[in-house]
Amino acid sequence: MQSIDALECCGHCPYYKQCTGCISCEEHPLGIECIASKYINQHGMEAYHKWKQTLIQKIKSLDITGLNLNELHLLHGFYMNLAYPIPSGQSVKLLDDHKVYLGNQIEIERSDRCYGIVCDDRYLLICEYGCNGTDPELILFQKYSSLP
């Protein structure tokens, strides 16, 4: 297997044995787009780590009470693609089940709810939800320019 960074990606992936690795799959492990593979192939490993830190600082600067973010992890879209209620009464999913994003789940102190953070090279999504993703509420969905 050819991987960009086994500790970052493959070491935590439940599909490790089924995948051919980030280098040989041309940014599409398991046939899905991976933000880490894409970014590292375009800009290099050092730039990827700097970019992650820039994203973390951007999120911290939003000053959302109780959102204490220190790390972004690689997460499959189908784990995080919640259906958010909209004013019409319908629900809408904003992510792609077939992508790997950067994200994290932060437990809200003295609450049974969590913050969910999801981002890639174009969008930042922050939400709040209950146990197992129930009753999701969209806090922020923002498009931004990719950071080189």
N, C-alpha and C. Protein backbone atom coordinates (compact mmCIF):
# COMPACT_ATOMS: atom_id res chain seq x y z
N MET A 1 0.84 -1.18 0.00
CA MET A 1 0.00 0.00 0.00
C MET A 1 0.88 1.24 0.00
N GLN A 2 0.52 2.19 -0.83
CA GLN A 2 1.23 3.46 -0.87
C GLN A 2 0.37 4.53 -0.23
N SER A 3 0.83 5.03 0.90
CA SER A 3 0.08 6.03 1.63
C SER A 3 0.88 7.31 1.74
N ILE A 4 0.19 8.42 1.84
CA ILE A 4 0.85 9.71 2.02
C ILE A 4 1.41 9.78 3.43
N ASP A 5 0.61 9.40 4.40
CA ASP A 5 1.01 9.49 5.80
C ASP A 5 0.20 8.47 6.59
N ALA A 6 0.78 7.31 6.83
CA ALA A 6 0.05 6.21 7.47
C ALA A 6 -0.53 6.60 8.82
N LEU A 7 0.15 7.42 9.59
CA LEU A 7 -0.37 7.81 10.89
C LEU A 7 -1.62 8.68 10.74
N GLU A 8 -1.60 9.61 9.81
CA GLU A 8 -2.72 10.54 9.63
C GLU A 8 -3.94 9.85 9.02
N CYS A 9 -3.73 9.11 7.99
CA CYS A 9 -4.86 8.57 7.24
C CYS A 9 -5.12 7.09 7.53
N CYS A 10 -4.26 6.27 7.02
CA CYS A 10 -4.50 4.83 7.03
C CYS A 10 -4.58 4.23 8.43
N GLY A 11 -3.81 4.73 9.35
CA GLY A 11 -3.79 4.17 10.69
C GLY A 11 -5.12 4.24 11.41
N HIS A 12 -6.00 5.13 10.98
CA HIS A 12 -7.29 5.31 11.65
C HIS A 12 -8.47 4.94 10.76
N CYS A 13 -8.20 4.43 9.58
CA CYS A 13 -9.28 4.16 8.63
C CYS A 13 -9.81 2.73 8.79
N PRO A 14 -11.15 2.59 8.95
CA PRO A 14 -11.72 1.26 9.09
C PRO A 14 -11.66 0.44 7.80
N TYR A 15 -11.33 1.11 6.68
CA TYR A 15 -11.28 0.44 5.38
C TYR A 15 -9.84 0.20 4.91
N TYR A 16 -8.90 0.31 5.84
CA TYR A 16 -7.47 0.22 5.53
C TYR A 16 -7.13 -0.97 4.65
N LYS A 17 -7.63 -2.15 4.97
CA LYS A 17 -7.26 -3.36 4.23
C LYS A 17 -7.89 -3.43 2.85
N GLN A 18 -8.96 -2.66 2.61
CA GLN A 18 -9.64 -2.69 1.32
C GLN A 18 -9.09 -1.64 0.35
N CYS A 19 -8.29 -0.71 0.84
CA CYS A 19 -7.85 0.44 0.07
C CYS A 19 -6.47 0.19 -0.55
N THR A 20 -6.21 0.84 -1.66
CA THR A 20 -4.91 0.72 -2.31
C THR A 20 -3.95 1.83 -1.87
N GLY A 21 -4.43 2.77 -1.08
CA GLY A 21 -3.57 3.84 -0.58
C GLY A 21 -3.74 5.13 -1.34
N CYS A 22 -3.36 6.22 -0.70
CA CYS A 22 -3.59 7.56 -1.23
C CYS A 22 -2.82 7.86 -2.51
N ILE A 23 -1.60 7.36 -2.61
CA ILE A 23 -0.79 7.69 -3.78
C ILE A 23 -1.30 6.95 -5.01
N SER A 24 -1.54 5.68 -4.89
CA SER A 24 -1.96 4.90 -6.05
C SER A 24 -3.40 5.19 -6.49
N CYS A 25 -4.21 5.74 -5.60
CA CYS A 25 -5.63 5.96 -5.94
C CYS A 25 -5.88 7.35 -6.50
N GLU A 26 -4.85 8.19 -6.61
CA GLU A 26 -4.97 9.53 -7.16
C GLU A 26 -6.07 10.34 -6.48
N GLU A 27 -5.97 10.48 -5.18
CA GLU A 27 -6.86 11.32 -4.36
C GLU A 27 -8.24 10.71 -4.13
N HIS A 28 -8.44 9.44 -4.47
CA HIS A 28 -9.75 8.81 -4.32
C HIS A 28 -9.65 7.44 -3.66
N PRO A 29 -9.24 7.39 -2.37
CA PRO A 29 -9.21 6.09 -1.70
C PRO A 29 -10.61 5.49 -1.66
N LEU A 30 -10.72 4.23 -1.91
CA LEU A 30 -12.01 3.53 -1.94
C LEU A 30 -12.95 4.13 -2.97
N GLY A 31 -12.41 4.86 -3.94
CA GLY A 31 -13.23 5.45 -4.99
C GLY A 31 -13.92 6.75 -4.58
N ILE A 32 -13.58 7.31 -3.42
CA ILE A 32 -14.19 8.57 -2.98
C ILE A 32 -13.12 9.63 -2.81
N GLU A 33 -13.51 10.90 -2.98
CA GLU A 33 -12.57 12.00 -2.86
C GLU A 33 -12.14 12.19 -1.41
N CYS A 34 -10.85 12.36 -1.19
CA CYS A 34 -10.29 12.57 0.14
C CYS A 34 -9.59 13.92 0.17
N ILE A 35 -10.02 14.81 1.06
CA ILE A 35 -9.44 16.14 1.13
C ILE A 35 -7.96 16.09 1.48
N ALA A 36 -7.54 15.19 2.35
CA ALA A 36 -6.13 15.11 2.72
C ALA A 36 -5.28 14.70 1.52
N SER A 37 -5.68 13.66 0.84
CA SER A 37 -4.94 13.20 -0.32
C SER A 37 -4.87 14.29 -1.39
N LYS A 38 -6.00 14.92 -1.64
CA LYS A 38 -6.07 15.99 -2.64
C LYS A 38 -5.13 17.14 -2.26
N TYR A 39 -5.21 17.60 -1.04
CA TYR A 39 -4.42 18.75 -0.61
C TYR A 39 -2.93 18.42 -0.58
N ILE A 40 -2.57 17.26 -0.06
CA ILE A 40 -1.17 16.88 0.03
C ILE A 40 -0.57 16.68 -1.36
N ASN A 41 -1.32 16.07 -2.26
CA ASN A 41 -0.82 15.89 -3.63
C ASN A 41 -0.59 17.23 -4.32
N GLN A 42 -1.41 18.22 -4.02
CA GLN A 42 -1.29 19.53 -4.67
C GLN A 42 -0.26 20.44 -4.01
N HIS A 43 -0.14 20.35 -2.67
CA HIS A 43 0.66 21.34 -1.94
C HIS A 43 1.75 20.76 -1.05
N GLY A 44 1.72 19.48 -0.78
CA GLY A 44 2.73 18.85 0.08
C GLY A 44 2.25 18.68 1.51
N MET A 45 2.93 17.80 2.23
CA MET A 45 2.55 17.45 3.60
C MET A 45 2.66 18.63 4.56
N GLU A 46 3.75 19.37 4.47
CA GLU A 46 3.93 20.51 5.39
C GLU A 46 2.83 21.55 5.19
N ALA A 47 2.49 21.84 3.95
CA ALA A 47 1.42 22.81 3.67
C ALA A 47 0.07 22.29 4.19
N TYR A 48 -0.15 20.99 4.09
CA TYR A 48 -1.40 20.39 4.60
C TYR A 48 -1.53 20.62 6.10
N HIS A 49 -0.47 20.37 6.85
CA HIS A 49 -0.52 20.57 8.30
C HIS A 49 -0.72 22.05 8.66
N LYS A 50 -0.07 22.93 7.92
CA LYS A 50 -0.27 24.38 8.14
C LYS A 50 -1.71 24.77 7.82
N TRP A 51 -2.24 24.22 6.75
CA TRP A 51 -3.62 24.52 6.35
C TRP A 51 -4.60 24.07 7.42
N LYS A 52 -4.39 22.88 7.96
CA LYS A 52 -5.25 22.40 9.05
C LYS A 52 -5.21 23.36 10.23
N GLN A 53 -4.04 23.82 10.59
CA GLN A 53 -3.92 24.76 11.72
C GLN A 53 -4.61 26.08 11.40
N THR A 54 -4.53 26.53 10.15
CA THR A 54 -5.22 27.76 9.73
C THR A 54 -6.73 27.58 9.86
N LEU A 55 -7.23 26.40 9.45
CA LEU A 55 -8.67 26.13 9.59
C LEU A 55 -9.09 26.12 11.06
N ILE A 56 -8.29 25.50 11.91
CA ILE A 56 -8.60 25.45 13.34
C ILE A 56 -8.65 26.87 13.91
N GLN A 57 -7.69 27.71 13.53
CA GLN A 57 -7.68 29.10 14.02
C GLN A 57 -8.88 29.88 13.49
N LYS A 58 -9.27 29.64 12.25
CA LYS A 58 -10.45 30.30 11.67
C LYS A 58 -11.70 29.92 12.47
N ILE A 59 -11.83 28.66 12.80
CA ILE A 59 -12.99 28.18 13.56
C ILE A 59 -12.97 28.76 14.97
N LYS A 60 -11.80 28.77 15.60
CA LYS A 60 -11.69 29.36 16.95
C LYS A 60 -12.05 30.84 16.94
N SER A 61 -11.71 31.54 15.86
CA SER A 61 -11.99 32.98 15.78
C SER A 61 -13.48 33.29 15.70
N LEU A 62 -14.29 32.28 15.40
CA LEU A 62 -15.75 32.48 15.37
C LEU A 62 -16.30 32.66 16.77
N ASP A 63 -15.52 32.25 17.77
CA ASP A 63 -15.84 32.45 19.19
C ASP A 63 -17.23 31.89 19.56
N ILE A 64 -17.45 30.64 19.17
CA ILE A 64 -18.70 29.96 19.50
C ILE A 64 -18.55 29.36 20.91
N THR A 65 -19.43 29.74 21.80
CA THR A 65 -19.35 29.32 23.20
C THR A 65 -19.29 27.80 23.33
N GLY A 66 -18.27 27.31 24.02
CA GLY A 66 -18.14 25.88 24.28
C GLY A 66 -17.49 25.08 23.17
N LEU A 67 -17.16 25.71 22.06
CA LEU A 67 -16.53 24.99 20.96
C LEU A 67 -15.01 25.14 21.12
N ASN A 68 -14.42 24.16 21.77
CA ASN A 68 -12.98 24.16 22.05
C ASN A 68 -12.29 23.18 21.11
N LEU A 69 -11.97 23.63 19.93
CA LEU A 69 -11.40 22.79 18.89
C LEU A 69 -9.88 22.83 18.92
N ASN A 70 -9.25 21.65 18.96
CA ASN A 70 -7.79 21.57 18.92
C ASN A 70 -7.27 20.73 17.77
N GLU A 71 -8.14 19.94 17.13
CA GLU A 71 -7.69 19.04 16.07
C GLU A 71 -8.82 18.80 15.07
N LEU A 72 -8.44 18.56 13.83
CA LEU A 72 -9.36 18.14 12.80
C LEU A 72 -8.91 16.76 12.33
N HIS A 73 -9.84 15.84 12.22
CA HIS A 73 -9.55 14.46 11.84
C HIS A 73 -10.18 14.17 10.48
N LEU A 74 -9.70 13.14 9.82
CA LEU A 74 -10.31 12.70 8.57
C LEU A 74 -11.54 11.86 8.89
N LEU A 75 -12.67 12.25 8.30
CA LEU A 75 -13.94 11.58 8.56
C LEU A 75 -14.69 11.36 7.25
N HIS A 76 -15.29 10.21 7.11
CA HIS A 76 -16.09 9.90 5.93
C HIS A 76 -17.39 10.69 5.95
N GLY A 77 -17.77 11.20 4.79
CA GLY A 77 -18.98 12.01 4.68
C GLY A 77 -20.23 11.32 5.17
N PHE A 78 -20.37 10.02 4.92
CA PHE A 78 -21.61 9.35 5.31
C PHE A 78 -21.78 9.31 6.82
N TYR A 79 -20.70 9.50 7.60
CA TYR A 79 -20.83 9.55 9.06
C TYR A 79 -21.38 10.90 9.53
N MET A 80 -21.14 11.94 8.74
CA MET A 80 -21.43 13.30 9.20
C MET A 80 -22.52 14.00 8.42
N ASN A 81 -23.05 13.38 7.41
CA ASN A 81 -24.01 14.05 6.53
C ASN A 81 -25.41 14.00 7.13
N LEU A 82 -25.65 14.89 8.07
CA LEU A 82 -26.95 14.95 8.75
C LEU A 82 -27.96 15.72 7.91
N ALA A 83 -29.23 15.45 8.12
CA ALA A 83 -30.31 16.15 7.43
C ALA A 83 -30.80 17.29 8.32
N TYR A 84 -30.60 18.53 7.85
CA TYR A 84 -30.95 19.71 8.63
C TYR A 84 -32.34 20.21 8.24
N PRO A 85 -33.18 20.50 9.23
CA PRO A 85 -34.51 21.04 8.91
C PRO A 85 -34.39 22.45 8.35
N ILE A 86 -35.22 22.75 7.35
CA ILE A 86 -35.26 24.09 6.78
C ILE A 86 -36.67 24.65 6.98
N PRO A 87 -36.85 25.96 6.83
CA PRO A 87 -38.15 26.58 7.14
C PRO A 87 -39.35 25.97 6.43
N SER A 88 -39.17 25.36 5.27
CA SER A 88 -40.30 24.77 4.55
C SER A 88 -40.83 23.51 5.23
N GLY A 89 -40.09 23.02 6.23
CA GLY A 89 -40.47 21.78 6.89
C GLY A 89 -39.73 20.57 6.35
N GLN A 90 -39.05 20.74 5.25
CA GLN A 90 -38.24 19.66 4.69
C GLN A 90 -36.90 19.63 5.39
N SER A 91 -36.14 18.59 5.11
CA SER A 91 -34.77 18.48 5.62
C SER A 91 -33.83 18.36 4.43
N VAL A 92 -32.63 18.89 4.61
CA VAL A 92 -31.66 18.89 3.52
C VAL A 92 -30.29 18.46 4.04
N LYS A 93 -29.62 17.64 3.23
CA LYS A 93 -28.24 17.23 3.52
C LYS A 93 -27.32 18.13 2.70
N LEU A 94 -26.24 18.59 3.32
CA LEU A 94 -25.35 19.54 2.68
C LEU A 94 -24.00 18.96 2.29
N LEU A 95 -23.70 17.77 2.72
CA LEU A 95 -22.41 17.16 2.45
C LEU A 95 -22.55 16.04 1.42
N ASP A 96 -21.43 15.50 1.04
CA ASP A 96 -21.38 14.40 0.09
C ASP A 96 -20.99 13.13 0.84
N ASP A 97 -21.84 12.13 0.81
CA ASP A 97 -21.54 10.85 1.47
C ASP A 97 -20.28 10.20 0.93
N HIS A 98 -19.89 10.57 -0.27
CA HIS A 98 -18.78 9.91 -0.96
C HIS A 98 -17.53 10.77 -0.99
N LYS A 99 -17.28 11.48 0.11
CA LYS A 99 -16.05 12.26 0.28
C LYS A 99 -15.50 12.03 1.67
N VAL A 100 -14.21 12.28 1.82
CA VAL A 100 -13.58 12.28 3.13
C VAL A 100 -13.26 13.73 3.46
N TYR A 101 -13.77 14.20 4.59
CA TYR A 101 -13.61 15.58 5.04
C TYR A 101 -12.68 15.66 6.24
N LEU A 102 -12.35 16.89 6.61
CA LEU A 102 -11.74 17.15 7.90
C LEU A 102 -12.86 17.53 8.86
N GLY A 103 -12.80 17.03 10.08
CA GLY A 103 -13.87 17.36 11.02
C GLY A 103 -13.56 16.91 12.43
N ASN A 104 -14.53 17.18 13.29
CA ASN A 104 -14.41 16.78 14.68
C ASN A 104 -15.78 16.89 15.34
N GLN A 105 -15.91 16.20 16.45
CA GLN A 105 -17.10 16.28 17.30
C GLN A 105 -16.63 16.79 18.65
N ILE A 106 -17.26 17.86 19.12
CA ILE A 106 -16.89 18.46 20.40
C ILE A 106 -18.10 18.40 21.32
N GLU A 107 -17.96 17.71 22.44
CA GLU A 107 -19.05 17.65 23.42
C GLU A 107 -19.24 19.01 24.05
N ILE A 108 -20.49 19.42 24.18
CA ILE A 108 -20.82 20.70 24.81
C ILE A 108 -20.91 20.47 26.31
N GLU A 109 -20.12 21.20 27.06
CA GLU A 109 -20.06 21.03 28.51
C GLU A 109 -21.44 21.24 29.14
N ARG A 110 -21.77 20.37 30.09
CA ARG A 110 -23.05 20.40 30.82
C ARG A 110 -24.25 20.32 29.87
N SER A 111 -24.12 19.49 28.84
CA SER A 111 -25.19 19.31 27.87
C SER A 111 -25.11 17.90 27.31
N ASP A 112 -26.21 17.42 26.76
CA ASP A 112 -26.19 16.12 26.10
C ASP A 112 -26.02 16.30 24.58
N ARG A 113 -25.59 17.49 24.17
CA ARG A 113 -25.43 17.79 22.75
C ARG A 113 -23.95 17.99 22.42
N CYS A 114 -23.66 17.93 21.12
CA CYS A 114 -22.30 18.09 20.62
C CYS A 114 -22.27 19.10 19.48
N TYR A 115 -21.11 19.68 19.28
CA TYR A 115 -20.85 20.45 18.06
C TYR A 115 -20.23 19.51 17.05
N GLY A 116 -20.61 19.67 15.81
CA GLY A 116 -19.97 18.96 14.72
C GLY A 116 -19.31 19.97 13.81
N ILE A 117 -18.07 19.72 13.47
CA ILE A 117 -17.32 20.59 12.58
C ILE A 117 -16.90 19.77 11.39
N VAL A 118 -17.16 20.28 10.18
CA VAL A 118 -16.81 19.59 8.95
C VAL A 118 -16.28 20.63 7.97
N CYS A 119 -15.15 20.33 7.33
CA CYS A 119 -14.65 21.26 6.33
C CYS A 119 -13.87 20.52 5.25
N ASP A 120 -13.75 21.18 4.14
CA ASP A 120 -12.89 20.72 3.06
C ASP A 120 -12.20 21.96 2.51
N ASP A 121 -11.80 21.95 1.27
CA ASP A 121 -11.07 23.09 0.72
C ASP A 121 -12.00 24.19 0.19
N ARG A 122 -13.32 24.03 0.36
CA ARG A 122 -14.27 25.05 -0.12
C ARG A 122 -15.31 25.45 0.91
N TYR A 123 -15.69 24.56 1.83
CA TYR A 123 -16.78 24.83 2.75
C TYR A 123 -16.42 24.54 4.19
N LEU A 124 -17.07 25.29 5.08
CA LEU A 124 -16.98 25.06 6.51
C LEU A 124 -18.41 24.91 7.03
N LEU A 125 -18.67 23.82 7.75
CA LEU A 125 -19.98 23.56 8.32
C LEU A 125 -19.80 23.35 9.82
N ILE A 126 -20.61 24.05 10.60
CA ILE A 126 -20.64 23.84 12.05
C ILE A 126 -22.10 23.62 12.43
N CYS A 127 -22.33 22.58 13.20
CA CYS A 127 -23.69 22.27 13.62
C CYS A 127 -23.68 21.84 15.08
N GLU A 128 -24.89 21.67 15.59
CA GLU A 128 -25.08 21.14 16.94
C GLU A 128 -26.10 20.02 16.82
N TYR A 129 -25.92 18.95 17.59
CA TYR A 129 -26.83 17.81 17.50
C TYR A 129 -26.83 17.03 18.80
N GLY A 130 -27.84 16.18 18.94
CA GLY A 130 -27.96 15.31 20.10
C GLY A 130 -27.29 13.98 19.85
N CYS A 131 -27.52 13.04 20.76
CA CYS A 131 -26.93 11.71 20.70
C CYS A 131 -27.18 11.05 19.34
N ASN A 132 -26.13 10.50 18.76
CA ASN A 132 -26.20 9.82 17.46
C ASN A 132 -26.71 10.72 16.34
N GLY A 133 -26.47 12.02 16.43
CA GLY A 133 -26.84 12.94 15.36
C GLY A 133 -28.29 13.37 15.34
N THR A 134 -29.02 13.14 16.43
CA THR A 134 -30.44 13.50 16.46
C THR A 134 -30.63 15.01 16.58
N ASP A 135 -31.74 15.48 16.09
CA ASP A 135 -32.13 16.90 16.18
C ASP A 135 -31.01 17.85 15.79
N PRO A 136 -30.44 17.71 14.59
CA PRO A 136 -29.34 18.59 14.20
C PRO A 136 -29.82 20.02 13.94
N GLU A 137 -28.97 20.97 14.31
CA GLU A 137 -29.23 22.38 14.06
C GLU A 137 -28.00 22.96 13.37
N LEU A 138 -28.21 23.57 12.25
CA LEU A 138 -27.11 24.18 11.50
C LEU A 138 -26.75 25.51 12.14
N ILE A 139 -25.49 25.68 12.49
CA ILE A 139 -25.01 26.93 13.07
C ILE A 139 -24.36 27.79 12.00
N LEU A 140 -23.54 27.17 11.14
CA LEU A 140 -22.83 27.90 10.10
C LEU A 140 -22.57 26.99 8.92
N PHE A 141 -22.84 27.50 7.74
CA PHE A 141 -22.45 26.82 6.51
C PHE A 141 -21.90 27.92 5.62
N GLN A 142 -20.58 27.90 5.42
CA GLN A 142 -19.91 29.02 4.79
C GLN A 142 -18.97 28.55 3.70
N LYS A 143 -19.05 29.22 2.57
CA LYS A 143 -18.11 28.95 1.49
C LYS A 143 -16.93 29.89 1.68
N TYR A 144 -15.73 29.40 1.42
CA TYR A 144 -14.54 30.23 1.49
C TYR A 144 -13.58 29.80 0.41
N SER A 145 -12.60 30.63 0.15
CA SER A 145 -11.58 30.31 -0.84
C SER A 145 -10.62 29.29 -0.26
N SER A 146 -10.17 28.39 -1.11
CA SER A 146 -9.19 27.40 -0.67
C SER A 146 -7.93 28.11 -0.22
N LEU A 147 -7.32 27.61 0.82
CA LEU A 147 -6.10 28.20 1.35
C LEU A 147 -4.90 27.44 0.82
N PRO A 148 -4.05 28.08 0.03
CA PRO A 148 -2.89 27.35 -0.50
C PRO A 148 -1.87 27.01 0.56
